[in-house]
Each structure stands twice: as structure tokens, then as C-alpha cells.
């Protein structure tokens, strides 16, 4: 996302809409070297899933699993 749009809640809003539109089991991953993306998705998924998610490193990726 472009810097001028960051921290305005757009990513959170769109993520929640997609999770709600496509109910079921989710797996979201980020490259291990992309720390900003990891922080973003950890925060979004943690809030969305009320802390009910798993996280693991595999093949140079950080992977989150949860159910929407």
C-alpha cells in the first residue's frame, strides 16, 4: 500500500470484508524478510480472530492460520 494511505484503517477494513465474505479456514503468509507485512497481518488476524489463530515459520514464510 502506498505510504500516504497507511494507518488510515483501509487495509483492516478491506481485510475484514474479505474474511467475512469468504467464511472458512484461512492461511495467510508473508515472506520472512518482510517484517512490516508480518506486523500488519499479525495485528489484523489477532484482532479479527480474537487471538484464536496459529502462526508458524515454514519455507522462509511466516504463516497464520485461522477460521473466519
N, C-alpha and C. Protein backbone atom coordinates (compact mmCIF):
# COMPACT_ATOMS: atom_id res chain seq x y z
N UNK A 1 0.85 -1.17 0.00
CA UNK A 1 0.00 0.00 0.00
C UNK A 1 0.90 1.23 0.00
N UNK A 2 0.49 2.24 -0.71
CA UNK A 2 1.25 3.49 -0.76
C UNK A 2 1.28 4.15 0.60
N UNK A 3 2.39 4.80 0.90
CA UNK A 3 2.59 5.37 2.23
C UNK A 3 1.50 6.36 2.62
N UNK A 4 1.01 7.16 1.68
CA UNK A 4 0.01 8.17 2.06
C UNK A 4 -1.31 7.55 2.51
N UNK A 5 -1.53 6.28 2.21
CA UNK A 5 -2.77 5.61 2.62
C UNK A 5 -2.59 4.74 3.87
N UNK A 6 -1.37 4.65 4.36
CA UNK A 6 -1.10 3.81 5.53
C UNK A 6 -1.68 4.42 6.80
N UNK A 7 -2.04 3.54 7.73
CA UNK A 7 -2.55 3.94 9.05
C UNK A 7 -3.86 4.71 8.99
N UNK A 8 -4.66 4.42 7.98
CA UNK A 8 -5.98 5.04 7.86
C UNK A 8 -7.10 4.02 8.03
N UNK A 9 -6.74 2.75 8.29
CA UNK A 9 -7.73 1.71 8.52
C UNK A 9 -8.25 1.05 7.25
N UNK A 10 -7.70 1.43 6.10
CA UNK A 10 -8.18 0.88 4.83
C UNK A 10 -7.85 -0.61 4.72
N UNK A 11 -6.62 -0.99 5.02
CA UNK A 11 -6.21 -2.39 4.96
C UNK A 11 -7.01 -3.26 5.91
N UNK A 12 -7.24 -2.76 7.11
CA UNK A 12 -8.03 -3.50 8.09
C UNK A 12 -9.45 -3.68 7.59
N UNK A 13 -10.05 -2.62 7.12
CA UNK A 13 -11.43 -2.67 6.64
C UNK A 13 -11.60 -3.65 5.48
N UNK A 14 -10.71 -3.57 4.52
CA UNK A 14 -10.80 -4.47 3.36
C UNK A 14 -10.55 -5.91 3.78
N UNK A 15 -9.56 -6.13 4.65
CA UNK A 15 -9.27 -7.49 5.12
C UNK A 15 -10.48 -8.10 5.80
N UNK A 16 -11.10 -7.36 6.72
CA UNK A 16 -12.27 -7.86 7.42
C UNK A 16 -13.40 -8.16 6.44
N UNK A 17 -13.61 -7.31 5.44
CA UNK A 17 -14.66 -7.54 4.46
C UNK A 17 -14.41 -8.84 3.69
N UNK A 18 -13.18 -9.06 3.29
CA UNK A 18 -12.84 -10.29 2.55
C UNK A 18 -13.00 -11.50 3.44
N UNK A 19 -12.53 -11.44 4.68
CA UNK A 19 -12.68 -12.56 5.61
C UNK A 19 -14.15 -12.88 5.84
N UNK A 20 -14.98 -11.86 5.98
CA UNK A 20 -16.42 -12.07 6.20
C UNK A 20 -17.13 -12.58 4.95
N UNK A 21 -16.67 -12.17 3.80
CA UNK A 21 -17.27 -12.59 2.54
C UNK A 21 -16.96 -14.06 2.22
N UNK A 22 -15.79 -14.50 2.62
CA UNK A 22 -15.33 -15.86 2.32
C UNK A 22 -15.10 -16.61 3.63
N UNK A 23 -16.16 -17.03 4.26
CA UNK A 23 -16.09 -17.74 5.54
C UNK A 23 -15.39 -19.09 5.38
N UNK A 24 -14.64 -19.45 6.39
CA UNK A 24 -13.98 -20.74 6.38
C UNK A 24 -12.57 -20.66 6.94
N UNK A 25 -11.76 -21.65 6.58
CA UNK A 25 -10.38 -21.74 7.05
C UNK A 25 -9.49 -20.88 6.16
N UNK A 26 -8.61 -20.12 6.81
CA UNK A 26 -7.71 -19.22 6.11
C UNK A 26 -6.26 -19.54 6.44
N UNK A 27 -5.40 -19.31 5.44
CA UNK A 27 -3.96 -19.37 5.62
C UNK A 27 -3.40 -18.14 4.93
N UNK A 28 -2.76 -17.28 5.70
CA UNK A 28 -2.18 -16.05 5.19
C UNK A 28 -0.68 -16.13 5.45
N UNK A 29 0.14 -15.74 4.47
CA UNK A 29 1.57 -15.81 4.71
C UNK A 29 2.29 -14.58 4.19
N UNK A 30 3.46 -14.33 4.80
CA UNK A 30 4.33 -13.26 4.40
C UNK A 30 5.75 -13.81 4.29
N UNK A 31 6.55 -13.19 3.44
CA UNK A 31 7.95 -13.58 3.36
C UNK A 31 8.63 -13.27 4.69
N UNK A 32 9.54 -14.13 5.08
CA UNK A 32 10.22 -13.99 6.36
C UNK A 32 10.94 -12.65 6.48
N UNK A 33 11.43 -12.11 5.37
CA UNK A 33 12.17 -10.84 5.43
C UNK A 33 11.26 -9.61 5.45
N UNK A 34 9.97 -9.77 5.23
CA UNK A 34 9.05 -8.64 5.17
C UNK A 34 8.42 -8.38 6.55
N UNK A 35 9.20 -7.79 7.42
CA UNK A 35 8.75 -7.56 8.81
C UNK A 35 7.53 -6.64 8.89
N UNK A 36 7.45 -5.55 8.10
CA UNK A 36 6.24 -4.71 8.19
C UNK A 36 4.96 -5.48 7.85
N UNK A 37 5.02 -6.35 6.85
CA UNK A 37 3.85 -7.15 6.48
C UNK A 37 3.50 -8.12 7.61
N UNK A 38 4.51 -8.71 8.23
CA UNK A 38 4.25 -9.63 9.33
C UNK A 38 3.56 -8.92 10.48
N UNK A 39 4.01 -7.73 10.82
CA UNK A 39 3.39 -6.96 11.90
C UNK A 39 1.95 -6.61 11.56
N UNK A 40 1.72 -6.17 10.32
CA UNK A 40 0.38 -5.80 9.87
C UNK A 40 -0.57 -6.99 9.98
N UNK A 41 -0.20 -8.12 9.36
CA UNK A 41 -1.10 -9.27 9.33
C UNK A 41 -1.29 -9.89 10.71
N UNK A 42 -0.25 -9.90 11.53
CA UNK A 42 -0.40 -10.42 12.89
C UNK A 42 -1.43 -9.60 13.65
N UNK A 43 -1.35 -8.28 13.54
CA UNK A 43 -2.29 -7.40 14.23
C UNK A 43 -3.72 -7.59 13.70
N UNK A 44 -3.88 -7.61 12.38
CA UNK A 44 -5.20 -7.75 11.76
C UNK A 44 -5.83 -9.09 12.14
N UNK A 45 -5.08 -10.17 11.96
CA UNK A 45 -5.63 -11.51 12.22
C UNK A 45 -5.89 -11.71 13.71
N UNK A 46 -5.01 -11.23 14.56
CA UNK A 46 -5.20 -11.36 16.00
C UNK A 46 -6.51 -10.69 16.43
N UNK A 47 -6.75 -9.48 15.95
CA UNK A 47 -7.99 -8.78 16.31
C UNK A 47 -9.20 -9.46 15.68
N UNK A 48 -9.11 -9.81 14.41
CA UNK A 48 -10.26 -10.43 13.72
C UNK A 48 -10.64 -11.74 14.38
N UNK A 49 -9.65 -12.57 14.68
CA UNK A 49 -9.90 -13.91 15.22
C UNK A 49 -9.91 -13.94 16.75
N UNK A 50 -9.91 -12.77 17.37
CA UNK A 50 -9.89 -12.69 18.84
C UNK A 50 -8.78 -13.54 19.44
N UNK A 51 -7.62 -13.52 18.81
CA UNK A 51 -6.46 -14.26 19.31
C UNK A 51 -6.48 -15.75 19.00
N UNK A 52 -7.51 -16.22 18.32
CA UNK A 52 -7.65 -17.65 18.03
C UNK A 52 -7.07 -17.96 16.66
N UNK A 53 -5.74 -18.00 16.59
CA UNK A 53 -5.05 -18.34 15.35
C UNK A 53 -3.72 -18.98 15.69
N UNK A 54 -3.13 -19.66 14.73
CA UNK A 54 -1.81 -20.24 14.89
C UNK A 54 -0.86 -19.55 13.93
N UNK A 55 0.41 -19.62 14.28
CA UNK A 55 1.44 -18.97 13.48
C UNK A 55 2.65 -19.87 13.46
N UNK A 56 3.26 -19.99 12.28
CA UNK A 56 4.45 -20.83 12.18
C UNK A 56 5.36 -20.31 11.07
N UNK A 57 6.65 -20.64 11.15
CA UNK A 57 7.61 -20.36 10.09
C UNK A 57 7.80 -21.63 9.28
N UNK A 58 7.77 -21.47 7.96
CA UNK A 58 7.96 -22.61 7.06
C UNK A 58 8.44 -22.09 5.71
N UNK A 59 9.49 -22.67 5.18
CA UNK A 59 10.00 -22.32 3.85
C UNK A 59 10.15 -20.81 3.65
N UNK A 60 10.81 -20.18 4.61
CA UNK A 60 11.08 -18.73 4.56
C UNK A 60 9.82 -17.88 4.56
N UNK A 61 8.75 -18.40 5.15
CA UNK A 61 7.48 -17.67 5.25
C UNK A 61 6.94 -17.76 6.68
N UNK A 62 6.31 -16.68 7.12
CA UNK A 62 5.54 -16.70 8.35
C UNK A 62 4.10 -16.93 7.94
N UNK A 63 3.48 -17.95 8.51
CA UNK A 63 2.14 -18.37 8.09
C UNK A 63 1.20 -18.31 9.27
N UNK A 64 0.03 -17.66 9.06
CA UNK A 64 -1.02 -17.61 10.06
C UNK A 64 -2.21 -18.42 9.56
N UNK A 65 -2.78 -19.23 10.44
CA UNK A 65 -3.99 -20.00 10.15
C UNK A 65 -5.08 -19.60 11.13
N UNK A 66 -6.30 -19.43 10.61
CA UNK A 66 -7.46 -19.08 11.45
C UNK A 66 -8.71 -19.41 10.67
N UNK A 67 -9.83 -19.33 11.35
CA UNK A 67 -11.13 -19.56 10.73
C UNK A 67 -11.96 -18.30 10.84
N UNK A 68 -12.57 -17.93 9.72
CA UNK A 68 -13.42 -16.72 9.75
C UNK A 68 -14.86 -17.12 9.94
